[in-house]
Amino acid sequence: MTTSRKEELAQKRRYWRQHLDDWQKSGLTQVAYCRQHELSRHRFQYWKKKFYPKEPPAFIELQFPSGPEGKYGHQPLCLMLGSGYQIAVERDFDPVALKQLIGVLRQI
């Protein structure tokens, strides 16, 4: 009896989904779980990334000190991104525009 490629992939997905669910319930580290179940750590990580893609960090609203005598006065906050970009954020910045700008910079 032959199974189609689609069925084989579905079986693999169920197999790895079950292991990932079991791992999360186990409280073990990934390495310990893989050793205990004789699984390839690299395969485990591959399927973990497929099922649980890394979510972008949540946007966090900044709270500036009130009044000009605050610790930072009227100086903008400087946001330094890992890709070498810097963004100066003023007190009255538009959070939606900042989020969009960061999204554009990530794509460059």
PDB file of N, CA and C in Angstrom:
ATOM      1  N   MET A   1       0.840  -1.167   0.000  1.00  0.00           N
ATOM      2  CA  MET A   1       0.000   0.000   0.000  1.00  0.00           C
ATOM      3  C   MET A   1       0.893   1.241   0.000  1.00  0.00           C
ATOM      4  N   THR A   2       0.696   2.112  -0.928  1.00  0.00           N
ATOM      5  CA  THR A   2       1.494   3.327  -0.997  1.00  0.00           C
ATOM      6  C   THR A   2       0.694   4.513  -0.484  1.00  0.00           C
ATOM      7  N   THR A   3       1.403   5.392   0.197  1.00  0.00           N
ATOM      8  CA  THR A   3       0.751   6.610   0.671  1.00  0.00           C
ATOM      9  C   THR A   3       1.253   7.784  -0.164  1.00  0.00           C
ATOM     10  N   SER A   4       0.408   8.707  -0.369  1.00  0.00           N
ATOM     11  CA  SER A   4       0.786   9.866  -1.162  1.00  0.00           C
ATOM     12  C   SER A   4       1.728  10.766  -0.369  1.00  0.00           C
ATOM     13  N   ARG A   5       2.405  11.611  -1.072  1.00  0.00           N
ATOM     14  CA  ARG A   5       3.319  12.566  -0.441  1.00  0.00           C
ATOM     15  C   ARG A   5       2.558  13.456   0.554  1.00  0.00           C
ATOM     16  N   LYS A   6       1.342  13.814   0.179  1.00  0.00           N
ATOM     17  CA  LYS A   6       0.509  14.654   1.040  1.00  0.00           C
ATOM     18  C   LYS A   6       0.193  13.947   2.358  1.00  0.00           C
ATOM     19  N   GLU A   7      -0.123  12.651   2.270  1.00  0.00           N
ATOM     20  CA  GLU A   7      -0.425  11.870   3.474  1.00  0.00           C
ATOM     21  C   GLU A   7       0.819  11.714   4.357  1.00  0.00           C
ATOM     22  N   GLU A   8       1.973  11.497   3.714  1.00  0.00           N
ATOM     23  CA  GLU A   8       3.223  11.368   4.475  1.00  0.00           C
ATOM     24  C   GLU A   8       3.521  12.651   5.243  1.00  0.00           C
ATOM     25  N   LEU A   9       3.339  13.779   4.581  1.00  0.00           N
ATOM     26  CA  LEU A   9       3.577  15.061   5.236  1.00  0.00           C
ATOM     27  C   LEU A   9       2.595  15.269   6.386  1.00  0.00           C
ATOM     28  N   ALA A  10       1.354  14.904   6.176  1.00  0.00           N
ATOM     29  CA  ALA A  10       0.345  15.031   7.236  1.00  0.00           C
ATOM     30  C   ALA A  10       0.728  14.163   8.438  1.00  0.00           C
ATOM     31  N   GLN A  11       1.235  12.956   8.184  1.00  0.00           N
ATOM     32  CA  GLN A  11       1.677  12.074   9.272  1.00  0.00           C
ATOM     33  C   GLN A  11       2.852  12.697  10.032  1.00  0.00           C
ATOM     34  N   LYS A  12       3.811  13.241   9.280  1.00  0.00           N
ATOM     35  CA  LYS A  12       4.956  13.890   9.923  1.00  0.00           C
ATOM     36  C   LYS A  12       4.502  15.060  10.778  1.00  0.00           C
ATOM     37  N   ARG A  13       3.591  15.855  10.256  1.00  0.00           N
ATOM     38  CA  ARG A  13       3.093  17.015  10.998  1.00  0.00           C
ATOM     39  C   ARG A  13       2.426  16.568  12.306  1.00  0.00           C
ATOM     40  N   ARG A  14       1.602  15.526  12.237  1.00  0.00           N
ATOM     41  CA  ARG A  14       0.939  15.016  13.449  1.00  0.00           C
ATOM     42  C   ARG A  14       1.972  14.492  14.448  1.00  0.00           C
ATOM     43  N   TYR A  15       2.967  13.760  13.928  1.00  0.00           N
ATOM     44  CA  TYR A  15       4.029  13.188  14.765  1.00  0.00           C
ATOM     45  C   TYR A  15       4.768  14.290  15.523  1.00  0.00           C
ATOM     46  N   TRP A  16       5.201  15.315  14.803  1.00  0.00           N
ATOM     47  CA  TRP A  16       5.974  16.376  15.433  1.00  0.00           C
ATOM     48  C   TRP A  16       5.090  17.281  16.293  1.00  0.00           C
ATOM     49  N   ARG A  17       3.871  17.504  15.887  1.00  0.00           N
ATOM     50  CA  ARG A  17       2.950  18.308  16.697  1.00  0.00           C
ATOM     51  C   ARG A  17       2.752  17.635  18.055  1.00  0.00           C
ATOM     52  N   GLN A  18       2.563  16.311  18.032  1.00  0.00           N
ATOM     53  CA  GLN A  18       2.383  15.577  19.282  1.00  0.00           C
ATOM     54  C   GLN A  18       3.617  15.687  20.168  1.00  0.00           C
ATOM     55  N   HIS A  19       4.803  15.547  19.568  1.00  0.00           N
ATOM     56  CA  HIS A  19       6.037  15.675  20.362  1.00  0.00           C
ATOM     57  C   HIS A  19       6.185  17.082  20.932  1.00  0.00           C
ATOM     58  N   LEU A  20       5.878  18.087  20.142  1.00  0.00           N
ATOM     59  CA  LEU A  20       5.996  19.459  20.642  1.00  0.00           C
ATOM     60  C   LEU A  20       5.004  19.728  21.768  1.00  0.00           C
ATOM     61  N   ASP A  21       3.799  19.231  21.633  1.00  0.00           N
ATOM     62  CA  ASP A  21       2.806  19.369  22.703  1.00  0.00           C
ATOM     63  C   ASP A  21       3.279  18.645  23.964  1.00  0.00           C
ATOM     64  N   ASP A  22       3.773  17.425  23.786  1.00  0.00           N
ATOM     65  CA  ASP A  22       4.260  16.640  24.930  1.00  0.00           C
ATOM     66  C   ASP A  22       5.457  17.325  25.592  1.00  0.00           C
ATOM     67  N   TRP A  23       6.345  17.883  24.776  1.00  0.00           N
ATOM     68  CA  TRP A  23       7.526  18.576  25.312  1.00  0.00           C
ATOM     69  C   TRP A  23       7.092  19.761  26.171  1.00  0.00           C
ATOM     70  N   GLN A  24       6.131  20.555  25.673  1.00  0.00           N
ATOM     71  CA  GLN A  24       5.693  21.715  26.439  1.00  0.00           C
ATOM     72  C   GLN A  24       5.080  21.317  27.776  1.00  0.00           C
ATOM     73  N   LYS A  25       4.396  20.197  27.810  1.00  0.00           N
ATOM     74  CA  LYS A  25       3.777  19.719  29.057  1.00  0.00           C
ATOM     75  C   LYS A  25       4.805  19.098  29.994  1.00  0.00           C
ATOM     76  N   SER A  26       5.924  18.620  29.436  1.00  0.00           N
ATOM     77  CA  SER A  26       6.902  17.858  30.217  1.00  0.00           C
ATOM     78  C   SER A  26       7.726  18.703  31.183  1.00  0.00           C
ATOM     79  N   GLY A  27       7.951  19.961  30.852  1.00  0.00           N
ATOM     80  CA  GLY A  27       8.807  20.794  31.690  1.00  0.00           C
ATOM     81  C   GLY A  27      10.286  20.549  31.447  1.00  0.00           C
ATOM     82  N   LEU A  28      10.606  19.672  30.506  1.00  0.00           N
ATOM     83  CA  LEU A  28      12.006  19.382  30.173  1.00  0.00           C
ATOM     84  C   LEU A  28      12.554  20.420  29.207  1.00  0.00           C
ATOM     85  N   THR A  29      13.871  20.543  29.173  1.00  0.00           N
ATOM     86  CA  THR A  29      14.484  21.370  28.144  1.00  0.00           C
ATOM     87  C   THR A  29      14.335  20.637  26.811  1.00  0.00           C
ATOM     88  N   GLN A  30      14.530  21.360  25.727  1.00  0.00           N
ATOM     89  CA  GLN A  30      14.441  20.731  24.404  1.00  0.00           C
ATOM     90  C   GLN A  30      15.460  19.598  24.282  1.00  0.00           C
ATOM     91  N   VAL A  31      16.669  19.859  24.726  1.00  0.00           N
ATOM     92  CA  VAL A  31      17.741  18.860  24.624  1.00  0.00           C
ATOM     93  C   VAL A  31      17.387  17.610  25.422  1.00  0.00           C
ATOM     94  N   ALA A  32      16.920  17.791  26.660  1.00  0.00           N
ATOM     95  CA  ALA A  32      16.576  16.639  27.503  1.00  0.00           C
ATOM     96  C   ALA A  32      15.421  15.849  26.898  1.00  0.00           C
ATOM     97  N   TYR A  33      14.415  16.559  26.385  1.00  0.00           N
ATOM     98  CA  TYR A  33      13.279  15.869  25.778  1.00  0.00           C
ATOM     99  C   TYR A  33      13.734  15.061  24.556  1.00  0.00           C
ATOM    100  N   CYS A  34      14.553  15.674  23.721  1.00  0.00           N
ATOM    101  CA  CYS A  34      15.032  14.973  22.523  1.00  0.00           C
ATOM    102  C   CYS A  34      15.855  13.746  22.879  1.00  0.00           C
ATOM    103  N   ARG A  35      16.691  13.871  23.898  1.00  0.00           N
ATOM    104  CA  ARG A  35      17.484  12.703  24.336  1.00  0.00           C
ATOM    105  C   ARG A  35      16.574  11.595  24.841  1.00  0.00           C
ATOM    106  N   GLN A  36      15.610  11.981  25.669  1.00  0.00           N
ATOM    107  CA  GLN A  36      14.708  10.999  26.262  1.00  0.00           C
ATOM    108  C   GLN A  36      13.902  10.256  25.202  1.00  0.00           C
ATOM    109  N   HIS A  37      13.562  10.939  24.111  1.00  0.00           N
ATOM    110  CA  HIS A  37      12.729  10.333  23.069  1.00  0.00           C
ATOM    111  C   HIS A  37      13.505   9.991  21.805  1.00  0.00           C
ATOM    112  N   GLU A  38      14.841  10.095  21.912  1.00  0.00           N
ATOM    113  CA  GLU A  38      15.728   9.758  20.796  1.00  0.00           C
ATOM    114  C   GLU A  38      15.338  10.494  19.512  1.00  0.00           C
ATOM    115  N   LEU A  39      15.180  11.819  19.650  1.00  0.00           N
ATOM    116  CA  LEU A  39      14.827  12.666  18.522  1.00  0.00           C
ATOM    117  C   LEU A  39      16.014  13.532  18.129  1.00  0.00           C
ATOM    118  N   SER A  40      16.090  13.842  16.864  1.00  0.00           N
ATOM    119  CA  SER A  40      17.108  14.779  16.387  1.00  0.00           C
ATOM    120  C   SER A  40      16.750  16.174  16.892  1.00  0.00           C
ATOM    121  N   ARG A  41      17.701  16.794  17.596  1.00  0.00           N
ATOM    122  CA  ARG A  41      17.457  18.135  18.125  1.00  0.00           C
ATOM    123  C   ARG A  41      17.233  19.133  16.993  1.00  0.00           C
ATOM    124  N   HIS A  42      17.961  18.960  15.886  1.00  0.00           N
ATOM    125  CA  HIS A  42      17.811  19.876  14.749  1.00  0.00           C
ATOM    126  C   HIS A  42      16.430  19.728  14.103  1.00  0.00           C
ATOM    127  N   ARG A  43      15.954  18.489  13.970  1.00  0.00           N
ATOM    128  CA  ARG A  43      14.602  18.269  13.427  1.00  0.00           C
ATOM    129  C   ARG A  43      13.550  18.858  14.358  1.00  0.00           C
ATOM    130  N   PHE A  44      13.775  18.653  15.655  1.00  0.00           N
ATOM    131  CA  PHE A  44      12.861  19.188  16.655  1.00  0.00           C
ATOM    132  C   PHE A  44      12.749  20.698  16.507  1.00  0.00           C
ATOM    133  N   GLN A  45      13.887  21.382  16.398  1.00  0.00           N
ATOM    134  CA  GLN A  45      13.891  22.839  16.253  1.00  0.00           C
ATOM    135  C   GLN A  45      13.251  23.265  14.938  1.00  0.00           C
ATOM    136  N   TYR A  46      13.480  22.510  13.880  1.00  0.00           N
ATOM    137  CA  TYR A  46      12.874  22.817  12.578  1.00  0.00           C
ATOM    138  C   TYR A  46      11.345  22.823  12.703  1.00  0.00           C
ATOM    139  N   TRP A  47      10.802  21.767  13.289  1.00  0.00           N
ATOM    140  CA  TRP A  47       9.347  21.660  13.407  1.00  0.00           C
ATOM    141  C   TRP A  47       8.803  22.660  14.419  1.00  0.00           C
ATOM    142  N   LYS A  48       9.551  22.956  15.450  1.00  0.00           N
ATOM    143  CA  LYS A  48       9.112  23.960  16.422  1.00  0.00           C
ATOM    144  C   LYS A  48       8.954  25.311  15.728  1.00  0.00           C
ATOM    145  N   LYS A  49       9.906  25.659  14.868  1.00  0.00           N
ATOM    146  CA  LYS A  49       9.812  26.927  14.134  1.00  0.00           C
ATOM    147  C   LYS A  49       8.637  26.922  13.163  1.00  0.00           C
ATOM    148  N   LYS A  50       8.340  25.762  12.587  1.00  0.00           N
ATOM    149  CA  LYS A  50       7.198  25.676  11.668  1.00  0.00           C
ATOM    150  C   LYS A  50       5.867  25.868  12.401  1.00  0.00           C
ATOM    151  N   PHE A  51       5.745  25.237  13.562  1.00  0.00           N
ATOM    152  CA  PHE A  51       4.486  25.309  14.308  1.00  0.00           C
ATOM    153  C   PHE A  51       4.366  26.569  15.158  1.00  0.00           C
ATOM    154  N   TYR A  52       5.492  27.066  15.654  1.00  0.00           N
ATOM    155  CA  TYR A  52       5.482  28.230  16.529  1.00  0.00           C
ATOM    156  C   TYR A  52       6.423  29.288  15.982  1.00  0.00           C
ATOM    157  N   PRO A  53       6.034  29.946  14.886  1.00  0.00           N
ATOM    158  CA  PRO A  53       6.923  30.976  14.339  1.00  0.00           C
ATOM    159  C   PRO A  53       7.116  32.095  15.355  1.00  0.00           C
ATOM    160  N   LYS A  54       8.274  32.671  15.317  1.00  0.00           N
ATOM    161  CA  LYS A  54       8.599  33.737  16.258  1.00  0.00           C
ATOM    162  C   LYS A  54       7.705  34.944  15.983  1.00  0.00           C
ATOM    163  N   GLU A  55       7.025  35.378  17.021  1.00  0.00           N
ATOM    164  CA  GLU A  55       6.147  36.529  16.874  1.00  0.00           C
ATOM    165  C   GLU A  55       6.953  37.800  17.099  1.00  0.00           C
ATOM    166  N   PRO A  56       6.630  38.848  16.345  1.00  0.00           N
ATOM    167  CA  PRO A  56       7.334  40.109  16.588  1.00  0.00           C
ATOM    168  C   PRO A  56       7.012  40.620  17.982  1.00  0.00           C
ATOM    169  N   PRO A  57       7.958  41.303  18.589  1.00  0.00           N
ATOM    170  CA  PRO A  57       7.682  41.812  19.935  1.00  0.00           C
ATOM    171  C   PRO A  57       6.506  42.773  19.920  1.00  0.00           C
ATOM    172  N   ALA A  58       5.762  42.795  20.997  1.00  0.00           N
ATOM    173  CA  ALA A  58       4.611  43.689  21.111  1.00  0.00           C
ATOM    174  C   ALA A  58       5.093  45.132  21.172  1.00  0.00           C
ATOM    175  N   PHE A  59       4.277  46.014  20.688  1.00  0.00           N
ATOM    176  CA  PHE A  59       4.600  47.429  20.740  1.00  0.00           C
ATOM    177  C   PHE A  59       4.290  47.926  22.145  1.00  0.00           C
ATOM    178  N   ILE A  60       5.257  48.556  22.769  1.00  0.00           N
ATOM    179  CA  ILE A  60       5.093  49.023  24.145  1.00  0.00           C
ATOM    180  C   ILE A  60       5.070  50.545  24.141  1.00  0.00           C
ATOM    181  N   GLU A  61       4.029  51.118  24.714  1.00  0.00           N
ATOM    182  CA  GLU A  61       3.926  52.574  24.776  1.00  0.00           C
ATOM    183  C   GLU A  61       4.909  53.109  25.807  1.00  0.00           C
ATOM    184  N   LEU A  62       5.631  54.157  25.431  1.00  0.00           N
ATOM    185  CA  LEU A  62       6.591  54.776  26.332  1.00  0.00           C
ATOM    186  C   LEU A  62       5.889  55.795  27.212  1.00  0.00           C
ATOM    187  N   GLN A  63       6.297  55.868  28.447  1.00  0.00           N
ATOM    188  CA  GLN A  63       5.774  56.877  29.359  1.00  0.00           C
ATOM    189  C   GLN A  63       6.901  57.863  29.645  1.00  0.00           C
ATOM    190  N   PHE A  64       6.761  59.106  29.168  1.00  0.00           N
ATOM    191  CA  PHE A  64       7.774  60.126  29.394  1.00  0.00           C
ATOM    192  C   PHE A  64       7.527  60.816  30.724  1.00  0.00           C
ATOM    193  N   PRO A  65       8.593  61.272  31.379  1.00  0.00           N
ATOM    194  CA  PRO A  65       8.407  62.029  32.611  1.00  0.00           C
ATOM    195  C   PRO A  65       7.625  63.306  32.314  1.00  0.00           C
ATOM    196  N   SER A  66       6.819  63.745  33.254  1.00  0.00           N
ATOM    197  CA  SER A  66       6.009  64.948  33.015  1.00  0.00           C
ATOM    198  C   SER A  66       6.819  66.195  33.326  1.00  0.00           C
ATOM    199  N   GLY A  67       6.500  67.251  32.606  1.00  0.00           N
ATOM    200  CA  GLY A  67       7.104  68.557  32.854  1.00  0.00           C
ATOM    201  C   GLY A  67       8.537  68.660  32.374  1.00  0.00           C
ATOM    202  N   PRO A  68       9.002  69.885  32.149  1.00  0.00           N
ATOM    203  CA  PRO A  68      10.356  70.101  31.648  1.00  0.00           C
ATOM    204  C   PRO A  68      11.426  69.748  32.667  1.00  0.00           C
ATOM    205  N   GLU A  69      11.046  69.665  33.954  1.00  0.00           N
ATOM    206  CA  GLU A  69      12.064  69.327  34.942  1.00  0.00           C
ATOM    207  C   GLU A  69      12.219  67.825  35.130  1.00  0.00           C
ATOM    208  N   GLY A  70      11.581  67.020  34.272  1.00  0.00           N
ATOM    209  CA  GLY A  70      11.751  65.570  34.315  1.00  0.00           C
ATOM    210  C   GLY A  70      13.201  65.195  34.050  1.00  0.00           C
ATOM    211  N   LYS A  71      13.568  64.006  34.352  1.00  0.00           N
ATOM    212  CA  LYS A  71      14.953  63.545  34.225  1.00  0.00           C
ATOM    213  C   LYS A  71      15.526  63.789  32.828  1.00  0.00           C
ATOM    214  N   TYR A  72      14.698  63.638  31.794  1.00  0.00           N
ATOM    215  CA  TYR A  72      15.186  63.760  30.431  1.00  0.00           C
ATOM    216  C   TYR A  72      14.865  65.115  29.809  1.00  0.00           C
ATOM    217  N   GLY A  73      14.160  65.976  30.510  1.00  0.00           N
ATOM    218  CA  GLY A  73      13.816  67.281  29.972  1.00  0.00           C
ATOM    219  C   GLY A  73      13.098  67.152  28.641  1.00  0.00           C
ATOM    220  N   HIS A  74      13.493  67.982  27.673  1.00  0.00           N
ATOM    221  CA  HIS A  74      12.873  67.950  26.353  1.00  0.00           C
ATOM    222  C   HIS A  74      13.701  67.166  25.357  1.00  0.00           C
ATOM    223  N   GLN A  75      14.697  66.462  25.801  1.00  0.00           N
ATOM    224  CA  GLN A  75      15.535  65.706  24.888  1.00  0.00           C
ATOM    225  C   GLN A  75      14.761  64.501  24.369  1.00  0.00           C
ATOM    226  N   PRO A  76      14.915  64.214  23.063  1.00  0.00           N
ATOM    227  CA  PRO A  76      14.239  63.026  22.519  1.00  0.00           C
ATOM    228  C   PRO A  76      14.923  61.753  23.000  1.00  0.00           C
ATOM    229  N   LEU A  77      14.178  60.695  23.032  1.00  0.00           N
ATOM    230  CA  LEU A  77      14.769  59.383  23.293  1.00  0.00           C
ATOM    231  C   LEU A  77      15.341  58.888  21.984  1.00  0.00           C
ATOM    232  N   CYS A  78      16.472  58.236  22.049  1.00  0.00           N
ATOM    233  CA  CYS A  78      17.106  57.725  20.843  1.00  0.00           C
ATOM    234  C   CYS A  78      16.923  56.214  20.819  1.00  0.00           C
ATOM    235  N   LEU A  79      16.294  55.729  19.772  1.00  0.00           N
ATOM    236  CA  LEU A  79      16.035  54.310  19.599  1.00  0.00           C
ATOM    237  C   LEU A  79      17.073  53.764  18.632  1.00  0.00           C
ATOM    238  N   MET A  80      17.891  52.814  19.091  1.00  0.00           N
ATOM    239  CA  MET A  80      18.930  52.248  18.232  1.00  0.00           C
ATOM    240  C   MET A  80      18.531  50.825  17.869  1.00  0.00           C
ATOM    241  N   LEU A  81      18.373  50.577  16.583  1.00  0.00           N
ATOM    242  CA  LEU A  81      17.992  49.264  16.102  1.00  0.00           C
ATOM    243  C   LEU A  81      19.236  48.469  15.752  1.00  0.00           C
ATOM    244  N   GLY A  82      19.155  47.150  15.885  1.00  0.00           N
ATOM    245  CA  GLY A  82      20.299  46.290  15.622  1.00  0.00           C
ATOM    246  C   GLY A  82      20.859  46.408  14.217  1.00  0.00           C
ATOM    247  N   SER A  83      20.076  46.907  13.281  1.00  0.00           N
ATOM    248  CA  SER A  83      20.538  47.000  11.901  1.00  0.00           C
ATOM    249  C   SER A  83      21.320  48.286  11.649  1.00  0.00           C
ATOM    250  N   GLY A  84      21.652  49.043  12.687  1.00  0.00           N
ATOM    251  CA  GLY A  84      22.453  50.248  12.535  1.00  0.00           C
ATOM    252  C   GLY A  84      21.648  51.523  12.382  1.00  0.00           C
ATOM    253  N   TYR A  85      20.331  51.454  12.475  1.00  0.00           N
ATOM    254  CA  TYR A  85      19.489  52.636  12.347  1.00  0.00           C
ATOM    255  C   TYR A  85      19.252  53.248  13.715  1.00  0.00           C
ATOM    256  N   GLN A  86      19.098  54.561  13.721  1.00  0.00           N
ATOM    257  CA  GLN A  86      18.753  55.278  14.939  1.00  0.00           C
ATOM    258  C   GLN A  86      17.517  56.119  14.663  1.00  0.00           C
ATOM    259  N   ILE A  87      16.606  56.162  15.619  1.00  0.00           N
ATOM    260  CA  ILE A  87      15.390  56.946  15.479  1.00  0.00           C
ATOM    261  C   ILE A  87      15.255  57.802  16.727  1.00  0.00           C
ATOM    262  N   ALA A  88      15.088  59.112  16.537  1.00  0.00           N
ATOM    263  CA  ALA A  88      14.853  60.017  17.659  1.00  0.00           C
ATOM    264  C   ALA A  88      13.351  60.090  17.890  1.00  0.00           C
ATOM    265  N   VAL A  89      12.936  59.842  19.112  1.00  0.00           N
ATOM    266  CA  VAL A  89      11.512  59.834  19.454  1.00  0.00           C
ATOM    267  C   VAL A  89      11.223  61.026  20.363  1.00  0.00           C
ATOM    268  N   GLU A  90      10.414  61.945  19.864  1.00  0.00           N
ATOM    269  CA  GLU A  90      10.030  63.125  20.637  1.00  0.00           C
ATOM    270  C   GLU A  90       8.860  62.781  21.551  1.00  0.00           C
ATOM    271  N   ARG A  91       8.557  63.673  22.481  1.00  0.00           N
ATOM    272  CA  ARG A  91       7.456  63.471  23.430  1.00  0.00           C
ATOM    273  C   ARG A  91       6.117  63.255  22.738  1.00  0.00           C
ATOM    274  N   ASP A  92       5.863  63.973  21.668  1.00  0.00           N
ATOM    275  CA  ASP A  92       4.554  63.906  21.023  1.00  0.00           C
ATOM    276  C   ASP A  92       4.563  63.016  19.778  1.00  0.00           C
ATOM    277  N   PHE A  93       5.362  61.940  19.810  1.00  0.00           N
ATOM    278  CA  PHE A  93       5.466  61.062  18.646  1.00  0.00           C
ATOM    279  C   PHE A  93       4.163  60.320  18.380  1.00  0.00           C
ATOM    280  N   ASP A  94       4.011  59.890  17.132  1.00  0.00           N
ATOM    281  CA  ASP A  94       2.837  59.114  16.719  1.00  0.00           C
ATOM    282  C   ASP A  94       3.212  57.633  16.800  1.00  0.00           C
ATOM    283  N   PRO A  95       2.663  56.860  17.763  1.00  0.00           N
ATOM    284  CA  PRO A  95       3.062  55.461  17.925  1.00  0.00           C
ATOM    285  C   PRO A  95       2.777  54.608  16.693  1.00  0.00           C
ATOM    286  N   VAL A  96       1.723  54.899  15.972  1.00  0.00           N
ATOM    287  CA  VAL A  96       1.397  54.119  14.774  1.00  0.00           C
ATOM    288  C   VAL A  96       2.454  54.357  13.695  1.00  0.00           C
ATOM    289  N   ALA A  97       2.829  55.628  13.506  1.00  0.00           N
ATOM    290  CA  ALA A  97       3.849  55.957  12.505  1.00  0.00           C
ATOM    291  C   ALA A  97       5.189  55.330  12.878  1.00  0.00           C
ATOM    292  N   LEU A  98       5.545  55.342  14.166  1.00  0.00           N
ATOM    293  CA  LEU A  98       6.805  54.740  14.611  1.00  0.00           C
ATOM    294  C   LEU A  98       6.803  53.238  14.345  1.00  0.00           C
ATOM    295  N   LYS A  99       5.697  52.584  14.644  1.00  0.00           N
ATOM    296  CA  LYS A  99       5.591  51.141  14.411  1.00  0.00           C
ATOM    297  C   LYS A  99       5.738  50.835  12.920  1.00  0.00           C
ATOM    298  N   GLN A 100       5.119  51.652  12.071  1.00  0.00           N
ATOM    299  CA  GLN A 100       5.230  51.452  10.626  1.00  0.00           C
ATOM    300  C   GLN A 100       6.660  51.678  10.148  1.00  0.00           C
ATOM    301  N   LEU A 101       7.320  52.699  10.687  1.00  0.00           N
ATOM    302  CA  LEU A 101       8.701  52.985  10.314  1.00  0.00           C
ATOM    303  C   LEU A 101       9.612  51.820  10.673  1.00  0.00           C
ATOM    304  N   ILE A 102       9.449  51.277  11.845  1.00  0.00           N
ATOM    305  CA  ILE A 102      10.270  50.138  12.271  1.00  0.00           C
ATOM    306  C   ILE A 102      10.008  48.936  11.363  1.00  0.00           C
ATOM    307  N   GLY A 103       8.753  48.722  10.993  1.00  0.00           N
ATOM    308  CA  GLY A 103       8.424  47.629  10.076  1.00  0.00           C
ATOM    309  C   GLY A 103       9.099  47.789   8.734  1.00  0.00           C
ATOM    310  N   VAL A 104       9.134  49.021   8.219  1.00  0.00           N
ATOM    311  CA  VAL A 104       9.798  49.284   6.932  1.00  0.00           C
ATOM    312  C   VAL A 104      11.303  49.031   7.063  1.00  0.00           C
ATOM    313  N   LEU A 105      11.904  49.499   8.148  1.00  0.00           N
ATOM    314  CA  LEU A 105      13.342  49.302   8.335  1.00  0.00           C
ATOM    315  C   LEU A 105      13.711  47.824   8.435  1.00  0.00           C
ATOM    316  N   ARG A 106      12.847  47.030   9.013  1.00  0.00           N
ATOM    317  CA  ARG A 106      13.117  45.583   9.117  1.00  0.00           C
ATOM    318  C   ARG A 106      13.177  44.922   7.748  1.00  0.00           C
ATOM    319  N   GLN A 107      12.453  45.476   6.790  1.00  0.00           N
ATOM    320  CA  GLN A 107      12.398  44.880   5.466  1.00  0.00           C
ATOM    321  C   GLN A 107      13.582  45.269   4.593  1.00  0.00           C
ATOM    322  N   ILE A 108      14.327  46.264   5.007  1.00  0.00           N
ATOM    323  CA  ILE A 108      15.461  46.731   4.203  1.00  0.00           C
ATOM    324  C   ILE A 108      16.625  45.785   4.351  1.00  0.00           C
TER     325      ILE A 108
END
